Each structure stands twice: as structure tokens, then as C-alpha cells.
């Protein structure tokens, strides 16, 4: 996923293992694993990219999922 929050553009998106989701530490916007907002501050969602792992190479596709 992008690390840039759609709420106010902060670069503070992090994964929460206990909730199995993403949260912006700056203002509390929350997002599910598909990037959809879970609360009012996260309503715009965030970009989630598809990836492909081949051996030790990780490929990130440039089009959002």
C-alpha cells in the first residue's frame, strides 16, 4: 500500500497486526487490507498495489488494484 494518507497527505501509514489493517499515525485514518476507509478520516481510501515475488525479487506493479 501507499504510505501517504488520503486524509491530509501525511507519510505515516502503518500496518497494525492486531487489527489486520492500516492506520495513519498522524490523524487516525483507518483502512482495510483492500485500501477502503474504515472511518470518516479514511473515507477516501488509499492505494493498494499488486506485487509479485520471484525468488528474491519483488515486483510492484504501477497500476493500483
PDB file of N, CA and C in Angstrom:
ATOM      1  N   UNK A   1       0.846  -1.190   0.000  1.00  0.00           N
ATOM      2  CA  UNK A   1       0.000   0.000   0.000  1.00  0.00           C
ATOM      3  C   UNK A   1       0.879   1.237   0.000  1.00  0.00           C
ATOM      4  N   UNK A   2       0.271   2.345  -0.367  1.00  0.00           N
ATOM      5  CA  UNK A   2       0.986   3.607  -0.283  1.00  0.00           C
ATOM      6  C   UNK A   2       1.208   3.974   1.182  1.00  0.00           C
ATOM      7  N   UNK A   3       2.241   4.736   1.449  1.00  0.00           N
ATOM      8  CA  UNK A   3       2.474   5.200   2.819  1.00  0.00           C
ATOM      9  C   UNK A   3       1.897   6.602   3.021  1.00  0.00           C
ATOM     10  N   UNK A   4       1.318   7.160   1.955  1.00  0.00           N
ATOM     11  CA  UNK A   4       0.748   8.506   2.011  1.00  0.00           C
ATOM     12  C   UNK A   4      -0.753   8.421   2.303  1.00  0.00           C
ATOM     13  N   UNK A   5      -1.165   9.079   3.349  1.00  0.00           N
ATOM     14  CA  UNK A   5      -2.571   9.059   3.759  1.00  0.00           C
ATOM     15  C   UNK A   5      -3.412   9.974   2.877  1.00  0.00           C
ATOM     16  N   UNK A   6      -4.594   9.524   2.514  1.00  0.00           N
ATOM     17  CA  UNK A   6      -5.509  10.319   1.698  1.00  0.00           C
ATOM     18  C   UNK A   6      -6.198  11.417   2.508  1.00  0.00           C
ATOM     19  N   UNK A   7      -6.130  11.345   3.816  1.00  0.00           N
ATOM     20  CA  UNK A   7      -6.799  12.335   4.656  1.00  0.00           C
ATOM     21  C   UNK A   7      -6.143  13.704   4.553  1.00  0.00           C
ATOM     22  N   UNK A   8      -4.840  13.778   4.828  1.00  0.00           N
ATOM     23  CA  UNK A   8      -4.144  15.063   4.755  1.00  0.00           C
ATOM     24  C   UNK A   8      -2.740  14.919   4.178  1.00  0.00           C
ATOM     25  N   UNK A   9      -2.479  13.836   3.471  1.00  0.00           N
ATOM     26  CA  UNK A   9      -1.209  13.669   2.786  1.00  0.00           C
ATOM     27  C   UNK A   9      -0.014  13.342   3.658  1.00  0.00           C
ATOM     28  N   UNK A  10      -0.245  12.949   4.885  1.00  0.00           N
ATOM     29  CA  UNK A  10       0.856  12.586   5.774  1.00  0.00           C
ATOM     30  C   UNK A  10       1.475  11.262   5.333  1.00  0.00           C
ATOM     31  N   UNK A  11       2.776  11.126   5.518  1.00  0.00           N
ATOM     32  CA  UNK A  11       3.510   9.912   5.171  1.00  0.00           C
ATOM     33  C   UNK A  11       3.651   9.052   6.426  1.00  0.00           C
ATOM     34  N   UNK A  12       2.508   8.582   6.954  1.00  0.00           N
ATOM     35  CA  UNK A  12       2.537   7.865   8.228  1.00  0.00           C
ATOM     36  C   UNK A  12       1.608   6.648   8.266  1.00  0.00           C
ATOM     37  N   UNK A  13       1.338   6.054   7.115  1.00  0.00           N
ATOM     38  CA  UNK A  13       0.504   4.848   7.092  1.00  0.00           C
ATOM     39  C   UNK A  13       1.331   3.671   7.585  1.00  0.00           C
ATOM     40  N   UNK A  14       0.774   2.920   8.502  1.00  0.00           N
ATOM     41  CA  UNK A  14       1.442   1.735   9.024  1.00  0.00           C
ATOM     42  C   UNK A  14       0.468   0.583   9.175  1.00  0.00           C
ATOM     43  N   UNK A  15       1.005  -0.622   9.116  1.00  0.00           N
ATOM     44  CA  UNK A  15       0.192  -1.820   9.277  1.00  0.00           C
ATOM     45  C   UNK A  15       0.036  -2.136  10.761  1.00  0.00           C
ATOM     46  N   UNK A  16      -1.178  -2.506  11.165  1.00  0.00           N
ATOM     47  CA  UNK A  16      -1.446  -2.911  12.555  1.00  0.00           C
ATOM     48  C   UNK A  16      -1.736  -4.404  12.566  1.00  0.00           C
ATOM     49  N   UNK A  17      -0.853  -5.170  13.170  1.00  0.00           N
ATOM     50  CA  UNK A  17      -1.029  -6.626  13.199  1.00  0.00           C
ATOM     51  C   UNK A  17      -2.234  -7.039  14.039  1.00  0.00           C
ATOM     52  N   UNK A  18      -2.475  -6.349  15.122  1.00  0.00           N
ATOM     53  CA  UNK A  18      -3.595  -6.732  15.994  1.00  0.00           C
ATOM     54  C   UNK A  18      -4.943  -6.505  15.330  1.00  0.00           C
ATOM     55  N   UNK A  19      -5.044  -5.490  14.472  1.00  0.00           N
ATOM     56  CA  UNK A  19      -6.293  -5.176  13.786  1.00  0.00           C
ATOM     57  C   UNK A  19      -6.329  -5.712  12.359  1.00  0.00           C
ATOM     58  N   UNK A  20      -5.165  -6.128  11.837  1.00  0.00           N
ATOM     59  CA  UNK A  20      -5.018  -6.596  10.456  1.00  0.00           C
ATOM     60  C   UNK A  20      -5.533  -5.535   9.479  1.00  0.00           C
ATOM     61  N   UNK A  21      -5.065  -4.303   9.695  1.00  0.00           N
ATOM     62  CA  UNK A  21      -5.450  -3.192   8.839  1.00  0.00           C
ATOM     63  C   UNK A  21      -4.332  -2.164   8.802  1.00  0.00           C
ATOM     64  N   UNK A  22      -4.611  -1.007   8.195  1.00  0.00           N
ATOM     65  CA  UNK A  22      -3.650   0.078   8.105  1.00  0.00           C
ATOM     66  C   UNK A  22      -4.211   1.294   8.807  1.00  0.00           C
ATOM     67  N   UNK A  23      -3.307   2.092   9.417  1.00  0.00           N
ATOM     68  CA  UNK A  23      -3.728   3.282  10.153  1.00  0.00           C
ATOM     69  C   UNK A  23      -2.708   4.386   9.952  1.00  0.00           C
ATOM     70  N   UNK A  24      -3.191   5.607   9.821  1.00  0.00           N
ATOM     71  CA  UNK A  24      -2.320   6.778   9.758  1.00  0.00           C
ATOM     72  C   UNK A  24      -2.081   7.266  11.178  1.00  0.00           C
ATOM     73  N   UNK A  25      -0.823   7.300  11.576  1.00  0.00           N
ATOM     74  CA  UNK A  25      -0.472   7.726  12.928  1.00  0.00           C
ATOM     75  C   UNK A  25      -0.705   9.222  13.143  1.00  0.00           C
ATOM     76  N   UNK A  26      -0.775  10.001  12.077  1.00  0.00           N
ATOM     77  CA  UNK A  26      -0.932  11.454  12.210  1.00  0.00           C
ATOM     78  C   UNK A  26      -2.316  11.858  12.710  1.00  0.00           C
ATOM     79  N   UNK A  27      -3.375  11.292  12.125  1.00  0.00           N
ATOM     80  CA  UNK A  27      -4.725  11.734  12.476  1.00  0.00           C
ATOM     81  C   UNK A  27      -5.715  10.602  12.734  1.00  0.00           C
ATOM     82  N   UNK A  28      -5.272   9.353  12.618  1.00  0.00           N
ATOM     83  CA  UNK A  28      -6.142   8.235  12.954  1.00  0.00           C
ATOM     84  C   UNK A  28      -6.992   7.676  11.834  1.00  0.00           C
ATOM     85  N   UNK A  29      -6.720   8.036  10.581  1.00  0.00           N
ATOM     86  CA  UNK A  29      -7.467   7.435   9.470  1.00  0.00           C
ATOM     87  C   UNK A  29      -7.166   5.937   9.436  1.00  0.00           C
ATOM     88  N   UNK A  30      -8.188   5.123   9.202  1.00  0.00           N
ATOM     89  CA  UNK A  30      -8.038   3.669   9.180  1.00  0.00           C
ATOM     90  C   UNK A  30      -8.504   3.111   7.847  1.00  0.00           C
ATOM     91  N   UNK A  31      -7.811   2.046   7.397  1.00  0.00           N
ATOM     92  CA  UNK A  31      -8.078   1.448   6.095  1.00  0.00           C
ATOM     93  C   UNK A  31      -8.008  -0.069   6.193  1.00  0.00           C
ATOM     94  N   UNK A  32      -8.854  -0.743   5.428  1.00  0.00           N
ATOM     95  CA  UNK A  32      -8.797  -2.204   5.416  1.00  0.00           C
ATOM     96  C   UNK A  32      -7.687  -2.662   4.461  1.00  0.00           C
ATOM     97  N   UNK A  33      -7.531  -3.968   4.316  1.00  0.00           N
ATOM     98  CA  UNK A  33      -6.448  -4.522   3.506  1.00  0.00           C
ATOM     99  C   UNK A  33      -6.596  -4.224   2.015  1.00  0.00           C
ATOM    100  N   UNK A  34      -7.791  -3.864   1.590  1.00  0.00           N
ATOM    101  CA  UNK A  34      -8.011  -3.506   0.178  1.00  0.00           C
ATOM    102  C   UNK A  34      -7.896  -2.002  -0.054  1.00  0.00           C
ATOM    103  N   UNK A  35      -7.629  -1.238   1.014  1.00  0.00           N
ATOM    104  CA  UNK A  35      -7.443   0.199   0.903  1.00  0.00           C
ATOM    105  C   UNK A  35      -8.684   1.027   1.169  1.00  0.00           C
ATOM    106  N   UNK A  36      -9.803   0.383   1.418  1.00  0.00           N
ATOM    107  CA  UNK A  36     -11.044   1.117   1.691  1.00  0.00           C
ATOM    108  C   UNK A  36     -11.004   1.725   3.092  1.00  0.00           C
ATOM    109  N   UNK A  37     -11.579   2.923   3.218  1.00  0.00           N
ATOM    110  CA  UNK A  37     -11.623   3.585   4.510  1.00  0.00           C
ATOM    111  C   UNK A  37     -12.521   2.863   5.498  1.00  0.00           C
ATOM    112  N   UNK A  38     -12.085   2.841   6.750  1.00  0.00           N
ATOM    113  CA  UNK A  38     -12.857   2.207   7.816  1.00  0.00           C
ATOM    114  C   UNK A  38     -13.498   3.227   8.742  1.00  0.00           C
ATOM    115  N   UNK A  39     -13.066   4.483   8.649  1.00  0.00           N
ATOM    116  CA  UNK A  39     -13.659   5.527   9.478  1.00  0.00           C
ATOM    117  C   UNK A  39     -13.763   6.809   8.650  1.00  0.00           C
ATOM    118  N   UNK A  40     -14.322   7.855   9.238  1.00  0.00           N
ATOM    119  CA  UNK A  40     -14.582   9.103   8.496  1.00  0.00           C
ATOM    120  C   UNK A  40     -13.301   9.694   7.910  1.00  0.00           C
ATOM    121  N   UNK A  41     -12.214   9.690   8.660  1.00  0.00           N
ATOM    122  CA  UNK A  41     -10.966  10.270   8.166  1.00  0.00           C
ATOM    123  C   UNK A  41     -10.352   9.442   7.038  1.00  0.00           C
ATOM    124  N   UNK A  42     -10.681   8.171   6.966  1.00  0.00           N
ATOM    125  CA  UNK A  42     -10.143   7.311   5.920  1.00  0.00           C
ATOM    126  C   UNK A  42     -11.083   7.107   4.749  1.00  0.00           C
ATOM    127  N   UNK A  43     -12.153   7.859   4.688  1.00  0.00           N
ATOM    128  CA  UNK A  43     -13.208   7.617   3.693  1.00  0.00           C
ATOM    129  C   UNK A  43     -12.738   7.653   2.243  1.00  0.00           C
ATOM    130  N   UNK A  44     -11.644   8.367   1.934  1.00  0.00           N
ATOM    131  CA  UNK A  44     -11.142   8.427   0.555  1.00  0.00           C
ATOM    132  C   UNK A  44     -10.365   7.169   0.162  1.00  0.00           C
ATOM    133  N   UNK A  45      -9.981   6.374   1.143  1.00  0.00           N
ATOM    134  CA  UNK A  45      -9.218   5.167   0.866  1.00  0.00           C
ATOM    135  C   UNK A  45      -7.764   5.469   0.524  1.00  0.00           C
ATOM    136  N   UNK A  46      -6.982   4.413   0.359  1.00  0.00           N
ATOM    137  CA  UNK A  46      -5.583   4.533  -0.032  1.00  0.00           C
ATOM    138  C   UNK A  46      -5.295   3.556  -1.161  1.00  0.00           C
ATOM    139  N   UNK A  47      -4.214   3.802  -1.871  1.00  0.00           N
ATOM    140  CA  UNK A  47      -3.849   2.938  -2.984  1.00  0.00           C
ATOM    141  C   UNK A  47      -3.200   1.654  -2.482  1.00  0.00           C
ATOM    142  N   UNK A  48      -3.624   0.548  -3.073  1.00  0.00           N
ATOM    143  CA  UNK A  48      -3.042  -0.769  -2.808  1.00  0.00           C
ATOM    144  C   UNK A  48      -2.503  -1.278  -4.138  1.00  0.00           C
ATOM    145  N   UNK A  49      -1.272  -1.710  -4.142  1.00  0.00           N
ATOM    146  CA  UNK A  49      -0.625  -2.170  -5.370  1.00  0.00           C
ATOM    147  C   UNK A  49      -0.471  -3.681  -5.347  1.00  0.00           C
ATOM    148  N   UNK A  50      -0.572  -4.302  -6.503  1.00  0.00           N
ATOM    149  CA  UNK A  50      -0.328  -5.738  -6.573  1.00  0.00           C
ATOM    150  C   UNK A  50       1.177  -5.962  -6.682  1.00  0.00           C
ATOM    151  N   UNK A  51       1.627  -7.069  -6.125  1.00  0.00           N
ATOM    152  CA  UNK A  51       3.048  -7.401  -6.110  1.00  0.00           C
ATOM    153  C   UNK A  51       3.252  -8.826  -6.587  1.00  0.00           C
ATOM    154  N   UNK A  52       4.475  -9.107  -6.983  1.00  0.00           N
ATOM    155  CA  UNK A  52       4.836 -10.450  -7.414  1.00  0.00           C
ATOM    156  C   UNK A  52       6.238 -10.747  -6.896  1.00  0.00           C
ATOM    157  N   UNK A  53       6.394 -11.837  -6.149  1.00  0.00           N
ATOM    158  CA  UNK A  53       7.684 -12.233  -5.615  1.00  0.00           C
ATOM    159  C   UNK A  53       8.219 -13.392  -6.437  1.00  0.00           C
ATOM    160  N   UNK A  54       9.428 -13.212  -6.972  1.00  0.00           N
ATOM    161  CA  UNK A  54      10.091 -14.247  -7.760  1.00  0.00           C
ATOM    162  C   UNK A  54      11.492 -14.416  -7.194  1.00  0.00           C
ATOM    163  N   UNK A  55      11.673 -15.462  -6.398  1.00  0.00           N
ATOM    164  CA  UNK A  55      12.959 -15.647  -5.716  1.00  0.00           C
ATOM    165  C   UNK A  55      13.160 -14.531  -4.713  1.00  0.00           C
ATOM    166  N   UNK A  56      14.201 -13.731  -4.920  1.00  0.00           N
ATOM    167  CA  UNK A  56      14.462 -12.606  -4.025  1.00  0.00           C
ATOM    168  C   UNK A  56      14.060 -11.268  -4.635  1.00  0.00           C
ATOM    169  N   UNK A  57      13.399 -11.298  -5.793  1.00  0.00           N
ATOM    170  CA  UNK A  57      12.983 -10.062  -6.461  1.00  0.00           C
ATOM    171  C   UNK A  57      11.494  -9.810  -6.234  1.00  0.00           C
ATOM    172  N   UNK A  58      11.200  -8.625  -5.762  1.00  0.00           N
ATOM    173  CA  UNK A  58       9.819  -8.206  -5.543  1.00  0.00           C
ATOM    174  C   UNK A  58       9.449  -7.205  -6.623  1.00  0.00           C
ATOM    175  N   UNK A  59       8.410  -7.499  -7.346  1.00  0.00           N
ATOM    176  CA  UNK A  59       7.947  -6.607  -8.404  1.00  0.00           C
ATOM    177  C   UNK A  59       6.660  -5.946  -7.941  1.00  0.00           C
ATOM    178  N   UNK A  60       6.631  -4.610  -7.994  1.00  0.00           N
ATOM    179  CA  UNK A  60       5.443  -3.853  -7.638  1.00  0.00           C
ATOM    180  C   UNK A  60       4.869  -3.281  -8.913  1.00  0.00           C
ATOM    181  N   UNK A  61       3.648  -3.642  -9.203  1.00  0.00           N
ATOM    182  CA  UNK A  61       3.001  -3.160 -10.413  1.00  0.00           C
ATOM    183  C   UNK A  61       2.585  -1.715 -10.236  1.00  0.00           C
ATOM    184  N   UNK A  62       2.730  -0.923 -11.281  1.00  0.00           N
ATOM    185  CA  UNK A  62       2.482   0.506 -11.170  1.00  0.00           C
ATOM    186  C   UNK A  62       1.026   0.899 -11.182  1.00  0.00           C
ATOM    187  N   UNK A  63       0.149   0.026 -11.602  1.00  0.00           N
ATOM    188  CA  UNK A  63      -1.272   0.339 -11.575  1.00  0.00           C
ATOM    189  C   UNK A  63      -1.876  -0.131 -10.261  1.00  0.00           C
ATOM    190  N   UNK A  64      -2.684   0.692  -9.677  1.00  0.00           N
ATOM    191  CA  UNK A  64      -3.313   0.342  -8.403  1.00  0.00           C
ATOM    192  C   UNK A  64      -4.360  -0.735  -8.604  1.00  0.00           C
ATOM    193  N   UNK A  65      -4.549  -1.545  -7.565  1.00  0.00           N
ATOM    194  CA  UNK A  65      -5.555  -2.607  -7.582  1.00  0.00           C
ATOM    195  C   UNK A  65      -6.873  -2.033  -7.123  1.00  0.00           C
TER     196      UNK A  65
END
